[in-house]
Amino acid sequence: MITPALALLKSLKPNFQIDVLSLSNLGASVYYNNPHCEHIYLHSEINQADDFIEPYDFMVAAHRDNRILELVDQLKKPVFLIEKADQEQAQSQQALNFIQRGFSESNLTTQSLHYQLFPSADDRASASHLLNKNIKYIGMHLGCHGINKKDVWLPWYRPHHEKLWPIKQFIELANGLKLKYPQSQIVLTGGENEQILAHQFKQHIPDAIDLTGKTNLLELAAVMEKLAVYVSPDTGTMHAACAMNTPLVALFGPTNAIRTGPYPTSAFRQTIEVKSLAELNYQQVLTAIDILLGVYNRLDSIEKSDLLVNT
């Protein structure tokens, strides 16, 4: 969600050398091949913060992770630190406004920029190997980051998290899609610890393509380019779909869709908000998919990515 701010900073200050300090391997992979930064470093690899920061003129902290705040406290060089989270504003937009105020002579709120991921030719080749038919692929993410962090894989384990849409409803949705779009195929995404959900799903939908735990982030981004539509709760793959302009149905229950929902808003990104995802019926999701597929299929002669950006 910070990649738009990075792109804006580079456009405002093209002569800056910008390096990225990431808190995790997954976070670092977001910036692979990104033309707006030069080097990517891991927080865990830093021994002395001041030694690391010495070659730099200053540091920009565009979010307030506790480890970042601890690092900021150690530094003896200037730090541009974003204000506390504004729950009435998308995280990406807040970061964009922060960069605009800090590095531009204009005080105007900047226009929305897309998330950015840059899969390589090898990443796209891997995606083409996984999804190699000329059919409608419909992606589904059954889990969420909170489940993927848990290291549990037992036959009787039933994952539970407030962000999860019940697996029964995903199965009903898949059956409804097979009736309406018999030539389509379901594709499951997720991390290794979400494979138990995929296993439960495939007991009812055996022809689903299970990619859980089988792609890295940029391979997943390349997979997104091959999907006709993607269904996801509030989790990282939802943002990957936005980055790759994949038509999206985002399912939100207790979390704040304004803060962490699909960004930027678009006619090809539908957000369904309910108090509890347990209350969400598959028919509502199926209707949203029908709308997206109907509109998107009429755009074959138009540059779809341009429409997604400009909507």
C-alpha atoms as a PDB file:
ATOM      1  CA  MET A   1       0.000   0.000   0.000  1.00  0.00           C
ATOM      2  CA  ILE A   2       3.060   2.273   0.091  1.00  0.00           C
ATOM      3  CA  THR A   3       4.119   1.697  -3.533  1.00  0.00           C
ATOM      4  CA  PRO A   4       2.058   4.655  -4.848  1.00  0.00           C
ATOM      5  CA  ALA A   5       3.844   6.955  -2.377  1.00  0.00           C
ATOM      6  CA  LEU A   6       7.208   5.632  -3.563  1.00  0.00           C
ATOM      7  CA  ALA A   7       6.254   6.345  -7.188  1.00  0.00           C
ATOM      8  CA  LEU A   8       5.143   9.855  -6.265  1.00  0.00           C
ATOM      9  CA  LEU A   9       8.349  10.571  -4.351  1.00  0.00           C
ATOM     10  CA  LYS A  10      10.453   9.484  -7.326  1.00  0.00           C
ATOM     11  CA  SER A  11       8.391  11.638  -9.699  1.00  0.00           C
ATOM     12  CA  LEU A  12       8.770  14.673  -7.429  1.00  0.00           C
ATOM     13  CA  LYS A  13      12.489  14.068  -6.817  1.00  0.00           C
ATOM     14  CA  PRO A  14      13.815  12.131  -9.827  1.00  0.00           C
ATOM     15  CA  ASN A  15      17.442  12.771  -8.834  1.00  0.00           C
ATOM     16  CA  PHE A  16      17.051  11.148  -5.413  1.00  0.00           C
ATOM     17  CA  GLN A  17      18.529   7.704  -4.899  1.00  0.00           C
ATOM     18  CA  ILE A  18      15.800   5.885  -2.979  1.00  0.00           C
ATOM     19  CA  ASP A  19      16.489   2.593  -1.210  1.00  0.00           C
ATOM     20  CA  VAL A  20      13.935   0.499   0.660  1.00  0.00           C
ATOM     21  CA  LEU A  21      14.298  -0.892   4.167  1.00  0.00           C
ATOM     22  CA  SER A  22      11.770  -3.696   4.652  1.00  0.00           C
ATOM     23  CA  LEU A  23      10.589  -5.376   7.837  1.00  0.00           C
ATOM     24  CA  SER A  24      10.136  -8.830   6.254  1.00  0.00           C
ATOM     25  CA  ASN A  25      11.057 -10.988   3.274  1.00  0.00           C
ATOM     26  CA  LEU A  26       7.483 -10.727   2.016  1.00  0.00           C
ATOM     27  CA  GLY A  27       7.554  -6.957   2.330  1.00  0.00           C
ATOM     28  CA  ALA A  28      10.865  -6.822   0.483  1.00  0.00           C
ATOM     29  CA  SER A  29       9.452  -8.873  -2.406  1.00  0.00           C
ATOM     30  CA  VAL A  30       6.855  -6.155  -3.021  1.00  0.00           C
ATOM     31  CA  TYR A  31       9.690  -3.935  -4.296  1.00  0.00           C
ATOM     32  CA  TYR A  32      11.540  -6.417  -6.514  1.00  0.00           C
ATOM     33  CA  ASN A  33      11.976  -4.985 -10.033  1.00  0.00           C
ATOM     34  CA  ASN A  34      10.467  -1.669  -8.911  1.00  0.00           C
ATOM     35  CA  PRO A  35      12.041   1.094 -11.051  1.00  0.00           C
ATOM     36  CA  HIS A  36      11.496   3.733  -8.373  1.00  0.00           C
ATOM     37  CA  CYS A  37      14.009   2.304  -5.904  1.00  0.00           C
ATOM     38  CA  GLU A  38      17.586   1.037  -6.204  1.00  0.00           C
ATOM     39  CA  HIS A  39      18.356  -1.322  -3.330  1.00  0.00           C
ATOM     40  CA  ILE A  40      16.199  -3.345  -0.951  1.00  0.00           C
ATOM     41  CA  TYR A  41      17.385  -4.182   2.554  1.00  0.00           C
ATOM     42  CA  LEU A  42      15.935  -6.290   5.371  1.00  0.00           C
ATOM     43  CA  HIS A  43      15.552  -4.858   8.852  1.00  0.00           C
ATOM     44  CA  SER A  44      16.741  -8.155  10.352  1.00  0.00           C
ATOM     45  CA  GLU A  45      20.072  -7.826   8.528  1.00  0.00           C
ATOM     46  CA  ILE A  46      20.951  -4.484  10.123  1.00  0.00           C
ATOM     47  CA  ASN A  47      23.393  -4.674  13.012  1.00  0.00           C
ATOM     48  CA  GLN A  48      23.868  -0.980  13.797  1.00  0.00           C
ATOM     49  CA  ALA A  49      21.131   1.393  12.657  1.00  0.00           C
ATOM     50  CA  ASP A  50      23.368   4.456  12.606  1.00  0.00           C
ATOM     51  CA  ASP A  51      26.015   2.670  10.538  1.00  0.00           C
ATOM     52  CA  PHE A  52      23.350   1.632   8.076  1.00  0.00           C
ATOM     53  CA  ILE A  53      21.820   5.092   7.762  1.00  0.00           C
ATOM     54  CA  GLU A  54      25.173   6.914   7.542  1.00  0.00           C
ATOM     55  CA  PRO A  55      25.312   7.128   3.692  1.00  0.00           C
ATOM     56  CA  TYR A  56      21.784   8.573   3.534  1.00  0.00           C
ATOM     57  CA  ASP A  57      20.633  12.167   3.901  1.00  0.00           C
ATOM     58  CA  PHE A  58      17.377  11.213   5.597  1.00  0.00           C
ATOM     59  CA  MET A  59      14.800   8.472   6.051  1.00  0.00           C
ATOM     60  CA  VAL A  60      11.107   8.482   5.103  1.00  0.00           C
ATOM     61  CA  ALA A  61       8.848   6.318   7.294  1.00  0.00           C
ATOM     62  CA  ALA A  62       5.543   6.067   5.466  1.00  0.00           C
ATOM     63  CA  HIS A  63       3.894   3.813   8.045  1.00  0.00           C
ATOM     64  CA  ARG A  64       4.126   3.369  11.806  1.00  0.00           C
ATOM     65  CA  ASP A  65       5.041  -0.255  12.445  1.00  0.00           C
ATOM     66  CA  ASN A  66       6.431  -0.594  15.983  1.00  0.00           C
ATOM     67  CA  ARG A  67       9.783  -1.802  14.648  1.00  0.00           C
ATOM     68  CA  ILE A  68      10.014   1.276  12.442  1.00  0.00           C
ATOM     69  CA  LEU A  69       9.253   3.512  15.416  1.00  0.00           C
ATOM     70  CA  GLU A  70      11.956   1.756  17.444  1.00  0.00           C
ATOM     71  CA  LEU A  71      14.426   2.261  14.592  1.00  0.00           C
ATOM     72  CA  VAL A  72      13.483   5.931  14.274  1.00  0.00           C
ATOM     73  CA  ASP A  73      14.235   6.417  17.977  1.00  0.00           C
ATOM     74  CA  GLN A  74      17.769   5.107  17.415  1.00  0.00           C
ATOM     75  CA  LEU A  75      18.669   7.317  14.474  1.00  0.00           C
ATOM     76  CA  LYS A  76      20.663  10.523  14.594  1.00  0.00           C
ATOM     77  CA  LYS A  77      19.609  11.679  11.135  1.00  0.00           C
ATOM     78  CA  PRO A  78      16.378  13.388  10.036  1.00  0.00           C
ATOM     79  CA  VAL A  79      13.304  11.202   9.630  1.00  0.00           C
ATOM     80  CA  PHE A  80      10.106  12.153   7.807  1.00  0.00           C
ATOM     81  CA  LEU A  81       7.529  10.229   9.866  1.00  0.00           C
ATOM     82  CA  ILE A  82       3.917   9.903   8.718  1.00  0.00           C
ATOM     83  CA  GLU A  83       1.223  10.953  11.143  1.00  0.00           C
ATOM     84  CA  LYS A  84      -0.917   8.376  12.971  1.00  0.00           C
ATOM     85  CA  ALA A  85      -3.422   6.381  10.948  1.00  0.00           C
ATOM     86  CA  ASP A  86      -6.474   8.284   9.735  1.00  0.00           C
ATOM     87  CA  GLN A  87      -9.321   5.754   9.803  1.00  0.00           C
ATOM     88  CA  GLU A  88     -11.406   7.940   7.477  1.00  0.00           C
ATOM     89  CA  GLN A  89      -8.804   7.802   4.709  1.00  0.00           C
ATOM     90  CA  ALA A  90      -7.297   5.011   2.655  1.00  0.00           C
ATOM     91  CA  GLN A  91      -3.822   4.105   3.885  1.00  0.00           C
ATOM     92  CA  SER A  92      -2.354   4.628   0.421  1.00  0.00           C
ATOM     93  CA  GLN A  93      -4.000   8.029   0.035  1.00  0.00           C
ATOM     94  CA  GLN A  94      -2.702   9.134   3.428  1.00  0.00           C
ATOM     95  CA  ALA A  95       0.827   8.113   2.400  1.00  0.00           C
ATOM     96  CA  LEU A  96       0.470   9.958  -0.921  1.00  0.00           C
ATOM     97  CA  ASN A  97      -0.669  13.125   0.835  1.00  0.00           C
ATOM     98  CA  PHE A  98       2.239  12.780   3.280  1.00  0.00           C
ATOM     99  CA  ILE A  99       4.768  12.662   0.419  1.00  0.00           C
ATOM    100  CA  GLN A 100       3.030  15.519  -1.388  1.00  0.00           C
ATOM    101  CA  ARG A 101       3.236  17.763   1.677  1.00  0.00           C
ATOM    102  CA  GLY A 102       6.824  16.860   2.465  1.00  0.00           C
ATOM    103  CA  PHE A 103       8.414  16.966  -0.970  1.00  0.00           C
ATOM    104  CA  SER A 104       6.317  19.200  -3.225  1.00  0.00           C
ATOM    105  CA  GLU A 105       5.826  22.940  -3.373  1.00  0.00           C
ATOM    106  CA  SER A 106       2.133  22.315  -3.970  1.00  0.00           C
ATOM    107  CA  ASN A 107      -0.181  21.665  -1.027  1.00  0.00           C
ATOM    108  CA  LEU A 108      -2.898  20.161  -3.208  1.00  0.00           C
ATOM    109  CA  THR A 109      -4.063  16.630  -2.401  1.00  0.00           C
ATOM    110  CA  THR A 110      -2.483  14.362  -4.966  1.00  0.00           C
ATOM    111  CA  GLN A 111      -4.589  12.220  -7.262  1.00  0.00           C
ATOM    112  CA  SER A 112      -4.894   8.530  -6.603  1.00  0.00           C
ATOM    113  CA  LEU A 113      -2.117   6.306  -7.919  1.00  0.00           C
ATOM    114  CA  HIS A 114      -2.300   2.544  -8.234  1.00  0.00           C
ATOM    115  CA  TYR A 115      -0.507  -0.045  -6.174  1.00  0.00           C
ATOM    116  CA  GLN A 116       2.446  -1.273  -8.199  1.00  0.00           C
ATOM    117  CA  LEU A 117       3.970  -4.727  -8.562  1.00  0.00           C
ATOM    118  CA  PHE A 118       6.478  -5.660 -11.264  1.00  0.00           C
ATOM    119  CA  PRO A 119       6.505  -9.378 -12.111  1.00  0.00           C
ATOM    120  CA  SER A 120       9.435 -10.451 -14.259  1.00  0.00           C
ATOM    121  CA  ALA A 121       9.360 -12.440 -17.493  1.00  0.00           C
ATOM    122  CA  ASP A 122      10.147 -15.543 -15.431  1.00  0.00           C
ATOM    123  CA  ASP A 123       7.243 -14.801 -13.085  1.00  0.00           C
ATOM    124  CA  ARG A 124       4.901 -14.530 -16.061  1.00  0.00           C
ATOM    125  CA  ALA A 125       6.293 -17.742 -17.538  1.00  0.00           C
ATOM    126  CA  SER A 126       5.545 -19.519 -14.255  1.00  0.00           C
ATOM    127  CA  ALA A 127       1.991 -18.152 -14.298  1.00  0.00           C
ATOM    128  CA  SER A 128       1.520 -19.305 -17.895  1.00  0.00           C
ATOM    129  CA  HIS A 129       2.656 -22.778 -16.887  1.00  0.00           C
ATOM    130  CA  LEU A 130       0.117 -22.868 -14.038  1.00  0.00           C
ATOM    131  CA  LEU A 131      -2.800 -21.407 -15.997  1.00  0.00           C
ATOM    132  CA  ASN A 132      -2.432 -22.358 -19.632  1.00  0.00           C
ATOM    133  CA  LYS A 133      -5.981 -22.717 -20.952  1.00  0.00           C
ATOM    134  CA  ASN A 134      -7.949 -20.136 -22.892  1.00  0.00           C
ATOM    135  CA  ILE A 135     -10.860 -20.096 -20.447  1.00  0.00           C
ATOM    136  CA  LYS A 136     -12.298 -17.895 -17.713  1.00  0.00           C
ATOM    137  CA  TYR A 137     -10.268 -18.358 -14.564  1.00  0.00           C
ATOM    138  CA  ILE A 138     -12.060 -17.154 -11.450  1.00  0.00           C
ATOM    139  CA  GLY A 139      -9.789 -16.642  -8.464  1.00  0.00           C
ATOM    140  CA  MET A 140     -10.738 -17.139  -4.827  1.00  0.00           C
ATOM    141  CA  HIS A 141      -8.836 -16.529  -1.614  1.00  0.00           C
ATOM    142  CA  LEU A 142     -10.375 -18.658   1.125  1.00  0.00           C
ATOM    143  CA  GLY A 143      -8.229 -17.501   4.030  1.00  0.00           C
ATOM    144  CA  CYS A 144      -6.558 -14.358   5.301  1.00  0.00           C
ATOM    145  CA  HIS A 145      -3.196 -13.226   6.655  1.00  0.00           C
ATOM    146  CA  GLY A 146      -4.284 -14.003  10.220  1.00  0.00           C
ATOM    147  CA  ILE A 147      -4.831 -17.656   9.280  1.00  0.00           C
ATOM    148  CA  ASN A 148      -1.657 -17.894   7.215  1.00  0.00           C
ATOM    149  CA  LYS A 149       0.409 -16.834  10.239  1.00  0.00           C
ATOM    150  CA  LYS A 150      -0.843 -19.865  12.191  1.00  0.00           C
ATOM    151  CA  ASP A 151       1.250 -22.998  11.794  1.00  0.00           C
ATOM    152  CA  VAL A 152      -1.546 -25.573  12.059  1.00  0.00           C
ATOM    153  CA  TRP A 153      -2.318 -28.353   9.597  1.00  0.00           C
ATOM    154  CA  LEU A 154      -4.462 -31.111  11.095  1.00  0.00           C
ATOM    155  CA  PRO A 155      -7.321 -32.955   9.323  1.00  0.00           C
ATOM    156  CA  TRP A 156      -9.837 -31.900  11.993  1.00  0.00           C
ATOM    157  CA  TYR A 157      -8.667 -28.288  12.315  1.00  0.00           C
ATOM    158  CA  ARG A 158     -11.283 -25.706  11.330  1.00  0.00           C
ATOM    159  CA  PRO A 159      -9.676 -22.271  10.897  1.00  0.00           C
ATOM    160  CA  HIS A 160     -11.563 -19.377  12.419  1.00  0.00           C
ATOM    161  CA  HIS A 161     -10.981 -15.663  11.962  1.00  0.00           C
ATOM    162  CA  GLU A 162     -13.271 -12.646  11.804  1.00  0.00           C
ATOM    163  CA  LYS A 163     -12.087 -11.908   8.258  1.00  0.00           C
ATOM    164  CA  LEU A 164     -13.040 -15.349   6.945  1.00  0.00           C
ATOM    165  CA  TRP A 165     -16.114 -15.945   4.802  1.00  0.00           C
ATOM    166  CA  PRO A 166     -17.444 -19.424   5.683  1.00  0.00           C
ATOM    167  CA  ILE A 167     -16.033 -22.135   3.434  1.00  0.00           C
ATOM    168  CA  LYS A 168     -19.585 -23.400   2.866  1.00  0.00           C
ATOM    169  CA  GLN A 169     -20.466 -20.125   1.167  1.00  0.00           C
ATOM    170  CA  PHE A 170     -17.372 -20.299  -1.056  1.00  0.00           C
ATOM    171  CA  ILE A 171     -18.453 -23.798  -2.117  1.00  0.00           C
ATOM    172  CA  GLU A 172     -22.001 -22.603  -2.848  1.00  0.00           C
ATOM    173  CA  LEU A 173     -20.537 -19.731  -4.867  1.00  0.00           C
ATOM    174  CA  ALA A 174     -18.355 -22.116  -6.873  1.00  0.00           C
ATOM    175  CA  ASN A 175     -21.357 -24.320  -7.656  1.00  0.00           C
ATOM    176  CA  GLY A 176     -23.337 -21.266  -8.758  1.00  0.00           C
ATOM    177  CA  LEU A 177     -20.482 -20.172 -11.011  1.00  0.00           C
ATOM    178  CA  LYS A 178     -20.214 -23.623 -12.589  1.00  0.00           C
ATOM    179  CA  LEU A 179     -23.895 -23.453 -13.534  1.00  0.00           C
ATOM    180  CA  LYS A 180     -23.645 -19.957 -15.027  1.00  0.00           C
ATOM    181  CA  TYR A 181     -20.171 -20.256 -16.527  1.00  0.00           C
ATOM    182  CA  PRO A 182     -19.625 -23.979 -17.224  1.00  0.00           C
ATOM    183  CA  GLN A 183     -16.384 -23.325 -19.140  1.00  0.00           C
ATOM    184  CA  SER A 184     -14.818 -21.455 -16.238  1.00  0.00           C
ATOM    185  CA  GLN A 185     -12.412 -22.865 -13.669  1.00  0.00           C
ATOM    186  CA  ILE A 186     -11.839 -21.897 -10.056  1.00  0.00           C
ATOM    187  CA  VAL A 187      -8.295 -20.960  -8.974  1.00  0.00           C
ATOM    188  CA  LEU A 188      -7.428 -20.939  -5.260  1.00  0.00           C
ATOM    189  CA  THR A 189      -4.704 -18.667  -3.903  1.00  0.00           C
ATOM    190  CA  GLY A 190      -3.103 -18.357  -0.490  1.00  0.00           C
ATOM    191  CA  GLY A 191      -0.123 -19.219   1.665  1.00  0.00           C
ATOM    192  CA  GLU A 192       1.069 -22.579   2.932  1.00  0.00           C
ATOM    193  CA  ASN A 193      -0.938 -22.419   6.140  1.00  0.00           C
ATOM    194  CA  GLU A 194      -4.136 -21.790   4.175  1.00  0.00           C
ATOM    195  CA  GLN A 195      -3.812 -25.101   2.343  1.00  0.00           C
ATOM    196  CA  ILE A 196      -6.177 -26.752   4.816  1.00  0.00           C
ATOM    197  CA  LEU A 197      -8.964 -24.498   3.543  1.00  0.00           C
ATOM    198  CA  ALA A 198      -8.132 -25.409  -0.048  1.00  0.00           C
ATOM    199  CA  HIS A 199      -8.204 -29.097   0.926  1.00  0.00           C
ATOM    200  CA  GLN A 200     -11.695 -28.698   2.395  1.00  0.00           C
ATOM    201  CA  PHE A 201     -12.855 -26.773  -0.687  1.00  0.00           C
ATOM    202  CA  LYS A 202     -11.536 -29.345  -3.161  1.00  0.00           C
ATOM    203  CA  GLN A 203     -13.443 -32.125  -1.421  1.00  0.00           C
ATOM    204  CA  HIS A 204     -16.528 -30.457  -2.940  1.00  0.00           C
ATOM    205  CA  ILE A 205     -15.016 -28.768  -6.026  1.00  0.00           C
ATOM    206  CA  PRO A 206     -12.338 -31.274  -7.103  1.00  0.00           C
ATOM    207  CA  ASP A 207     -11.479 -29.595 -10.420  1.00  0.00           C
ATOM    208  CA  ALA A 208     -10.392 -26.342  -8.731  1.00  0.00           C
ATOM    209  CA  ILE A 209      -6.771 -25.392  -9.376  1.00  0.00           C
ATOM    210  CA  ASP A 210      -5.033 -25.144  -6.018  1.00  0.00           C
ATOM    211  CA  LEU A 211      -2.169 -22.639  -5.983  1.00  0.00           C
ATOM    212  CA  THR A 212      -2.064 -22.179  -2.192  1.00  0.00           C
ATOM    213  CA  GLY A 213       1.549 -22.174  -1.061  1.00  0.00           C
ATOM    214  CA  LYS A 214       2.785 -22.574  -4.651  1.00  0.00           C
ATOM    215  CA  THR A 215       3.586 -19.016  -5.746  1.00  0.00           C
ATOM    216  CA  ASN A 216       5.704 -16.183  -4.463  1.00  0.00           C
ATOM    217  CA  LEU A 217       4.276 -12.667  -4.489  1.00  0.00           C
ATOM    218  CA  LEU A 218       5.343 -11.665  -8.001  1.00  0.00           C
ATOM    219  CA  GLU A 219       4.327 -15.028  -9.473  1.00  0.00           C
ATOM    220  CA  LEU A 220       0.952 -14.454  -7.834  1.00  0.00           C
ATOM    221  CA  ALA A 221       0.829 -10.986  -9.418  1.00  0.00           C
ATOM    222  CA  ALA A 222       1.384 -12.605 -12.817  1.00  0.00           C
ATOM    223  CA  VAL A 223      -1.372 -15.124 -12.045  1.00  0.00           C
ATOM    224  CA  MET A 224      -3.710 -12.204 -11.304  1.00  0.00           C
ATOM    225  CA  GLU A 225      -3.278 -10.997 -14.880  1.00  0.00           C
ATOM    226  CA  LYS A 226      -4.885 -14.239 -16.078  1.00  0.00           C
ATOM    227  CA  LEU A 227      -7.990 -14.069 -13.867  1.00  0.00           C
ATOM    228  CA  ALA A 228     -11.317 -12.834 -15.189  1.00  0.00           C
ATOM    229  CA  VAL A 229     -12.365 -11.904 -11.647  1.00  0.00           C
ATOM    230  CA  TYR A 230     -11.051 -12.396  -8.114  1.00  0.00           C
ATOM    231  CA  VAL A 231     -12.934 -12.854  -4.820  1.00  0.00           C
ATOM    232  CA  SER A 232     -11.102 -12.104  -1.596  1.00  0.00           C
ATOM    233  CA  PRO A 233     -11.572 -10.977   1.985  1.00  0.00           C
ATOM    234  CA  ASP A 234      -9.451  -8.187   3.475  1.00  0.00           C
ATOM    235  CA  THR A 235      -5.999  -9.672   2.941  1.00  0.00           C
ATOM    236  CA  GLY A 236      -2.806  -9.101   0.973  1.00  0.00           C
ATOM    237  CA  THR A 237      -3.848 -10.861  -2.225  1.00  0.00           C
ATOM    238  CA  MET A 238      -6.755  -8.443  -2.552  1.00  0.00           C
ATOM    239  CA  HIS A 239      -4.202  -5.642  -2.892  1.00  0.00           C
ATOM    240  CA  ALA A 240      -2.189  -7.708  -5.391  1.00  0.00           C
ATOM    241  CA  ALA A 241      -5.342  -7.957  -7.517  1.00  0.00           C
ATOM    242  CA  CYS A 242      -5.670  -4.160  -7.390  1.00  0.00           C
ATOM    243  CA  ALA A 243      -2.035  -3.776  -8.424  1.00  0.00           C
ATOM    244  CA  MET A 244      -2.603  -5.934 -11.498  1.00  0.00           C
ATOM    245  CA  ASN A 245      -5.974  -4.374 -12.464  1.00  0.00           C
ATOM    246  CA  THR A 246      -7.849  -7.626 -11.922  1.00  0.00           C
ATOM    247  CA  PRO A 247     -11.643  -7.208 -11.549  1.00  0.00           C
ATOM    248  CA  LEU A 248     -12.275  -7.722  -7.859  1.00  0.00           C
ATOM    249  CA  VAL A 249     -15.017  -8.549  -5.360  1.00  0.00           C
ATOM    250  CA  ALA A 250     -13.726  -7.662  -1.883  1.00  0.00           C
ATOM    251  CA  LEU A 251     -15.514  -9.062   1.180  1.00  0.00           C
ATOM    252  CA  PHE A 252     -15.426  -6.891   4.289  1.00  0.00           C
ATOM    253  CA  GLY A 253     -16.883  -7.654   7.688  1.00  0.00           C
ATOM    254  CA  PRO A 254     -15.434  -6.112  10.867  1.00  0.00           C
ATOM    255  CA  THR A 255     -12.451  -4.358   9.270  1.00  0.00           C
ATOM    256  CA  ASN A 256     -12.468  -0.825   7.885  1.00  0.00           C
ATOM    257  CA  ALA A 257     -13.018  -0.873   4.119  1.00  0.00           C
ATOM    258  CA  ILE A 258     -12.240   2.842   3.917  1.00  0.00           C
ATOM    259  CA  ARG A 259      -8.795   2.306   5.413  1.00  0.00           C
ATOM    260  CA  THR A 260      -7.714  -1.001   3.838  1.00  0.00           C
ATOM    261  CA  GLY A 261     -10.250  -1.664   1.082  1.00  0.00           C
ATOM    262  CA  PRO A 262      -9.578  -1.862  -2.671  1.00  0.00           C
ATOM    263  CA  TYR A 263      -7.618   1.155  -3.867  1.00  0.00           C
ATOM    264  CA  PRO A 264      -8.241   3.289  -5.766  1.00  0.00           C
ATOM    265  CA  THR A 265     -11.995   2.963  -6.209  1.00  0.00           C
ATOM    266  CA  SER A 266     -13.104   1.679  -9.597  1.00  0.00           C
ATOM    267  CA  ALA A 267     -16.165   0.318 -11.361  1.00  0.00           C
ATOM    268  CA  PHE A 268     -14.220  -2.938 -11.647  1.00  0.00           C
ATOM    269  CA  ARG A 269     -13.724  -3.226  -7.887  1.00  0.00           C
ATOM    270  CA  GLN A 270     -16.804  -4.129  -5.922  1.00  0.00           C
ATOM    271  CA  THR A 271     -16.719  -4.033  -2.119  1.00  0.00           C
ATOM    272  CA  ILE A 272     -19.372  -5.891  -0.157  1.00  0.00           C
ATOM    273  CA  GLU A 273     -19.598  -4.734   3.458  1.00  0.00           C
ATOM    274  CA  VAL A 274     -21.512  -6.580   6.171  1.00  0.00           C
ATOM    275  CA  LYS A 275     -21.315  -6.541   9.957  1.00  0.00           C
ATOM    276  CA  SER A 276     -20.249 -10.185  10.009  1.00  0.00           C
ATOM    277  CA  LEU A 277     -19.083 -12.240   7.043  1.00  0.00           C
ATOM    278  CA  ALA A 278     -21.056 -15.147   8.473  1.00  0.00           C
ATOM    279  CA  GLU A 279     -24.168 -13.207   7.401  1.00  0.00           C
ATOM    280  CA  LEU A 280     -23.066 -12.828   3.771  1.00  0.00           C
ATOM    281  CA  ASN A 281     -24.960 -15.053   1.322  1.00  0.00           C
ATOM    282  CA  TYR A 282     -23.184 -16.388  -1.753  1.00  0.00           C
ATOM    283  CA  GLN A 283     -25.916 -14.966  -4.014  1.00  0.00           C
ATOM    284  CA  GLN A 284     -24.754 -11.421  -3.231  1.00  0.00           C
ATOM    285  CA  VAL A 285     -21.232 -12.300  -4.299  1.00  0.00           C
ATOM    286  CA  LEU A 286     -22.442 -14.127  -7.405  1.00  0.00           C
ATOM    287  CA  THR A 287     -24.424 -11.051  -8.452  1.00  0.00           C
ATOM    288  CA  ALA A 288     -21.331  -8.848  -8.065  1.00  0.00           C
ATOM    289  CA  ILE A 289     -19.295 -11.286 -10.176  1.00  0.00           C
ATOM    290  CA  ASP A 290     -21.998 -11.318 -12.866  1.00  0.00           C
ATOM    291  CA  ILE A 291     -21.821  -7.523 -13.075  1.00  0.00           C
ATOM    292  CA  LEU A 292     -18.037  -7.473 -13.320  1.00  0.00           C
ATOM    293  CA  LEU A 293     -17.856 -10.233 -15.932  1.00  0.00           C
ATOM    294  CA  GLY A 294     -20.628  -8.653 -17.983  1.00  0.00           C
ATOM    295  CA  VAL A 295     -18.976  -5.227 -18.087  1.00  0.00           C
ATOM    296  CA  TYR A 296     -15.433  -6.486 -18.468  1.00  0.00           C
ATOM    297  CA  ASN A 297     -16.263  -8.825 -21.346  1.00  0.00           C
ATOM    298  CA  ARG A 298     -17.598  -5.898 -23.386  1.00  0.00           C
ATOM    299  CA  LEU A 299     -14.222  -4.162 -23.291  1.00  0.00           C
ATOM    300  CA  ASP A 300     -12.211  -6.500 -25.488  1.00  0.00           C
ATOM    301  CA  SER A 301     -11.491  -3.766 -28.029  1.00  0.00           C
ATOM    302  CA  ILE A 302     -10.502  -1.212 -25.380  1.00  0.00           C
ATOM    303  CA  GLU A 303      -7.381  -0.911 -23.244  1.00  0.00           C
ATOM    304  CA  LYS A 304      -8.822  -2.274 -19.996  1.00  0.00           C
ATOM    305  CA  SER A 305      -5.989  -1.103 -17.780  1.00  0.00           C
ATOM    306  CA  ASP A 306      -6.528   2.486 -18.906  1.00  0.00           C
ATOM    307  CA  LEU A 307     -10.198   2.285 -17.970  1.00  0.00           C
ATOM    308  CA  LEU A 308      -9.332   0.857 -14.593  1.00  0.00           C
ATOM    309  CA  VAL A 309      -6.947   3.728 -13.941  1.00  0.00           C
ATOM    310  CA  ASN A 310      -9.263   6.456 -15.168  1.00  0.00           C
ATOM    311  CA  THR A 311     -12.612   5.263 -13.798  1.00  0.00           C
END
